[in-house]
């Protein structure tokens, strides 16, 4: 497991399998979202590779990438969820996408922390 301390008060597990083309981009987008909110020192992201079907079931892994906080899916577990080694499709803003955007992550993090949007600094 790879750990990056961005937020010691919030621990996020990024679950993935190596066959997924999106997990590294998702990791970067999540880091960017935390930084955009000034939370880079407050979030810890742990990458956890899922290697077997048994691990997928035990971890509630609905596909790669999946983001868990306190064993709860950051984007909500789909109603028809099954667990397994596969890519995940997110339905966000009316579109099917392979990973959430920086803005999607920022909205979820902001909601979890009730942090207001940072104000623009005058030049």
C-alpha atoms as a PDB file:
ATOM      1  CA  UNK A   1       0.000   0.000   0.000  1.00  0.00           C
ATOM      2  CA  UNK A   2       1.184   3.504  -0.802  1.00  0.00           C
ATOM      3  CA  UNK A   3       0.283   6.256   1.673  1.00  0.00           C
ATOM      4  CA  UNK A   4       0.289   9.953   0.925  1.00  0.00           C
ATOM      5  CA  UNK A   5      -0.502  12.256   3.814  1.00  0.00           C
ATOM      6  CA  UNK A   6      -2.759  14.999   2.587  1.00  0.00           C
ATOM      7  CA  UNK A   7      -5.195  15.041   5.498  1.00  0.00           C
ATOM      8  CA  UNK A   8      -4.465  13.388   8.868  1.00  0.00           C
ATOM      9  CA  UNK A   9      -8.070  13.967   9.949  1.00  0.00           C
ATOM     10  CA  UNK A  10      -9.554  12.273   6.905  1.00  0.00           C
ATOM     11  CA  UNK A  11      -8.404   8.865   5.709  1.00  0.00           C
ATOM     12  CA  UNK A  12      -9.422   7.901   2.182  1.00  0.00           C
ATOM     13  CA  UNK A  13      -8.698   4.457   0.747  1.00  0.00           C
ATOM     14  CA  UNK A  14      -8.392   4.356  -3.020  1.00  0.00           C
ATOM     15  CA  UNK A  15      -9.187   0.770  -4.015  1.00  0.00           C
ATOM     16  CA  UNK A  16      -7.962  -0.325  -7.441  1.00  0.00           C
ATOM     17  CA  UNK A  17      -6.802  -3.237  -9.523  1.00  0.00           C
ATOM     18  CA  UNK A  18      -3.803  -3.037 -11.824  1.00  0.00           C
ATOM     19  CA  UNK A  19      -5.850  -3.639 -14.968  1.00  0.00           C
ATOM     20  CA  UNK A  20      -7.643  -0.314 -14.488  1.00  0.00           C
ATOM     21  CA  UNK A  21      -6.372   2.544 -16.682  1.00  0.00           C
ATOM     22  CA  UNK A  22      -7.936   5.218 -14.435  1.00  0.00           C
ATOM     23  CA  UNK A  23      -6.649   4.682 -10.900  1.00  0.00           C
ATOM     24  CA  UNK A  24      -3.500   6.853 -11.141  1.00  0.00           C
ATOM     25  CA  UNK A  25      -5.430   9.723 -12.769  1.00  0.00           C
ATOM     26  CA  UNK A  26      -8.074   9.375 -10.063  1.00  0.00           C
ATOM     27  CA  UNK A  27      -5.376   9.566  -7.378  1.00  0.00           C
ATOM     28  CA  UNK A  28      -4.052  12.779  -8.967  1.00  0.00           C
ATOM     29  CA  UNK A  29      -7.557  14.288  -9.252  1.00  0.00           C
ATOM     30  CA  UNK A  30      -8.284  13.549  -5.593  1.00  0.00           C
ATOM     31  CA  UNK A  31      -4.982  15.173  -4.535  1.00  0.00           C
ATOM     32  CA  UNK A  32      -5.736  18.228  -6.687  1.00  0.00           C
ATOM     33  CA  UNK A  33      -9.206  18.552  -5.156  1.00  0.00           C
ATOM     34  CA  UNK A  34      -7.793  18.443  -1.622  1.00  0.00           C
ATOM     35  CA  UNK A  35      -5.172  21.038  -2.554  1.00  0.00           C
ATOM     36  CA  UNK A  36      -7.774  23.301  -4.179  1.00  0.00           C
ATOM     37  CA  UNK A  37      -9.647  23.333  -0.857  1.00  0.00           C
ATOM     38  CA  UNK A  38      -6.517  23.958   1.198  1.00  0.00           C
ATOM     39  CA  UNK A  39      -6.831  20.468   2.691  1.00  0.00           C
ATOM     40  CA  UNK A  40      -3.532  18.998   1.444  1.00  0.00           C
ATOM     41  CA  UNK A  41      -2.284  18.587   5.024  1.00  0.00           C
ATOM     42  CA  UNK A  42      -5.578  17.221   6.321  1.00  0.00           C
ATOM     43  CA  UNK A  43      -6.222  14.235   4.013  1.00  0.00           C
ATOM     44  CA  UNK A  44      -4.442  10.902   3.969  1.00  0.00           C
ATOM     45  CA  UNK A  45      -4.872   8.833   0.816  1.00  0.00           C
ATOM     46  CA  UNK A  46      -4.016   5.158   0.974  1.00  0.00           C
ATOM     47  CA  UNK A  47      -3.861   3.173  -2.254  1.00  0.00           C
ATOM     48  CA  UNK A  48      -4.969  -0.427  -1.802  1.00  0.00           C
ATOM     49  CA  UNK A  49      -4.589  -2.908  -4.626  1.00  0.00           C
ATOM     50  CA  UNK A  50      -7.358  -5.500  -4.864  1.00  0.00           C
ATOM     51  CA  UNK A  51      -5.924  -8.733  -6.244  1.00  0.00           C
ATOM     52  CA  UNK A  52      -8.594 -11.404  -5.807  1.00  0.00           C
ATOM     53  CA  UNK A  53     -12.351 -11.840  -5.961  1.00  0.00           C
ATOM     54  CA  UNK A  54     -12.332 -12.624  -2.231  1.00  0.00           C
ATOM     55  CA  UNK A  55     -10.594  -9.296  -1.509  1.00  0.00           C
ATOM     56  CA  UNK A  56     -13.110  -7.523  -3.762  1.00  0.00           C
ATOM     57  CA  UNK A  57     -16.021  -8.948  -1.787  1.00  0.00           C
ATOM     58  CA  UNK A  58     -14.437  -8.276   1.598  1.00  0.00           C
ATOM     59  CA  UNK A  59     -13.618  -4.656   0.639  1.00  0.00           C
ATOM     60  CA  UNK A  60     -16.985  -3.957  -1.044  1.00  0.00           C
ATOM     61  CA  UNK A  61     -15.058  -3.247  -4.242  1.00  0.00           C
ATOM     62  CA  UNK A  62     -17.557  -2.349  -6.957  1.00  0.00           C
ATOM     63  CA  UNK A  63     -14.814  -1.536  -9.442  1.00  0.00           C
ATOM     64  CA  UNK A  64     -11.657   0.452  -9.962  1.00  0.00           C
ATOM     65  CA  UNK A  65     -11.210   3.102  -8.796  1.00  0.00           C
ATOM     66  CA  UNK A  66     -13.339   3.123  -5.623  1.00  0.00           C
ATOM     67  CA  UNK A  67     -12.892   5.653  -2.804  1.00  0.00           C
ATOM     68  CA  UNK A  68     -13.731   4.631   0.756  1.00  0.00           C
ATOM     69  CA  UNK A  69     -13.966   6.766   3.905  1.00  0.00           C
ATOM     70  CA  UNK A  70     -14.655   4.828   7.100  1.00  0.00           C
ATOM     71  CA  UNK A  71     -15.623   1.825   4.957  1.00  0.00           C
ATOM     72  CA  UNK A  72     -18.237   3.886   3.103  1.00  0.00           C
ATOM     73  CA  UNK A  73     -18.090   4.613  -0.599  1.00  0.00           C
ATOM     74  CA  UNK A  74     -17.406   8.330  -1.146  1.00  0.00           C
ATOM     75  CA  UNK A  75     -19.698   8.336  -4.196  1.00  0.00           C
ATOM     76  CA  UNK A  76     -22.266   5.896  -2.835  1.00  0.00           C
ATOM     77  CA  UNK A  77     -22.513   2.249  -3.666  1.00  0.00           C
ATOM     78  CA  UNK A  78     -24.661   1.621  -6.747  1.00  0.00           C
ATOM     79  CA  UNK A  79     -28.049   0.030  -6.031  1.00  0.00           C
ATOM     80  CA  UNK A  80     -27.217  -2.937  -8.241  1.00  0.00           C
ATOM     81  CA  UNK A  81     -23.680  -3.312  -6.862  1.00  0.00           C
ATOM     82  CA  UNK A  82     -21.766  -6.509  -7.316  1.00  0.00           C
ATOM     83  CA  UNK A  83     -18.164  -6.887  -6.228  1.00  0.00           C
ATOM     84  CA  UNK A  84     -15.317  -7.889  -8.512  1.00  0.00           C
ATOM     85  CA  UNK A  85     -12.142  -7.069 -10.405  1.00  0.00           C
ATOM     86  CA  UNK A  86     -13.305  -4.631 -13.071  1.00  0.00           C
ATOM     87  CA  UNK A  87     -13.306  -0.973 -14.019  1.00  0.00           C
ATOM     88  CA  UNK A  88     -15.927   1.211 -12.382  1.00  0.00           C
ATOM     89  CA  UNK A  89     -18.239   3.522 -14.273  1.00  0.00           C
ATOM     90  CA  UNK A  90     -19.475   6.605 -12.408  1.00  0.00           C
ATOM     91  CA  UNK A  91     -22.726   8.322 -13.340  1.00  0.00           C
ATOM     92  CA  UNK A  92     -21.912  11.975 -12.619  1.00  0.00           C
ATOM     93  CA  UNK A  93     -23.631  15.065 -13.939  1.00  0.00           C
ATOM     94  CA  UNK A  94     -25.712  12.927 -16.297  1.00  0.00           C
ATOM     95  CA  UNK A  95     -22.678  11.257 -17.872  1.00  0.00           C
ATOM     96  CA  UNK A  96     -21.001   7.867 -17.556  1.00  0.00           C
ATOM     97  CA  UNK A  97     -17.302   8.420 -16.780  1.00  0.00           C
ATOM     98  CA  UNK A  98     -14.395   6.252 -15.716  1.00  0.00           C
ATOM     99  CA  UNK A  99     -13.335   8.521 -12.872  1.00  0.00           C
ATOM    100  CA  UNK A 100     -14.626  11.565 -10.999  1.00  0.00           C
ATOM    101  CA  UNK A 101     -13.275  14.981 -11.952  1.00  0.00           C
ATOM    102  CA  UNK A 102     -11.348  17.313  -9.646  1.00  0.00           C
ATOM    103  CA  UNK A 103     -14.590  19.302  -9.235  1.00  0.00           C
ATOM    104  CA  UNK A 104     -16.525  16.124  -8.319  1.00  0.00           C
ATOM    105  CA  UNK A 105     -13.959  15.244  -5.645  1.00  0.00           C
ATOM    106  CA  UNK A 106     -13.877  18.816  -4.328  1.00  0.00           C
ATOM    107  CA  UNK A 107     -17.662  18.836  -3.962  1.00  0.00           C
ATOM    108  CA  UNK A 108     -17.587  15.565  -1.985  1.00  0.00           C
ATOM    109  CA  UNK A 109     -14.712  16.717   0.253  1.00  0.00           C
ATOM    110  CA  UNK A 110     -16.362  20.095   0.848  1.00  0.00           C
ATOM    111  CA  UNK A 111     -19.599  18.373   1.830  1.00  0.00           C
ATOM    112  CA  UNK A 112     -17.760  16.079   4.271  1.00  0.00           C
ATOM    113  CA  UNK A 113     -15.930  18.938   5.947  1.00  0.00           C
ATOM    114  CA  UNK A 114     -18.453  21.753   5.491  1.00  0.00           C
ATOM    115  CA  UNK A 115     -15.615  23.913   4.195  1.00  0.00           C
ATOM    116  CA  UNK A 116     -16.679  26.955   2.197  1.00  0.00           C
ATOM    117  CA  UNK A 117     -15.171  27.543  -1.192  1.00  0.00           C
ATOM    118  CA  UNK A 118     -11.891  29.492  -0.946  1.00  0.00           C
ATOM    119  CA  UNK A 119     -12.196  33.174  -1.780  1.00  0.00           C
ATOM    120  CA  UNK A 120     -10.136  34.621  -4.615  1.00  0.00           C
ATOM    121  CA  UNK A 121      -7.193  36.621  -3.387  1.00  0.00           C
ATOM    122  CA  UNK A 122      -7.108  40.261  -4.580  1.00  0.00           C
ATOM    123  CA  UNK A 123      -4.145  41.051  -6.810  1.00  0.00           C
END
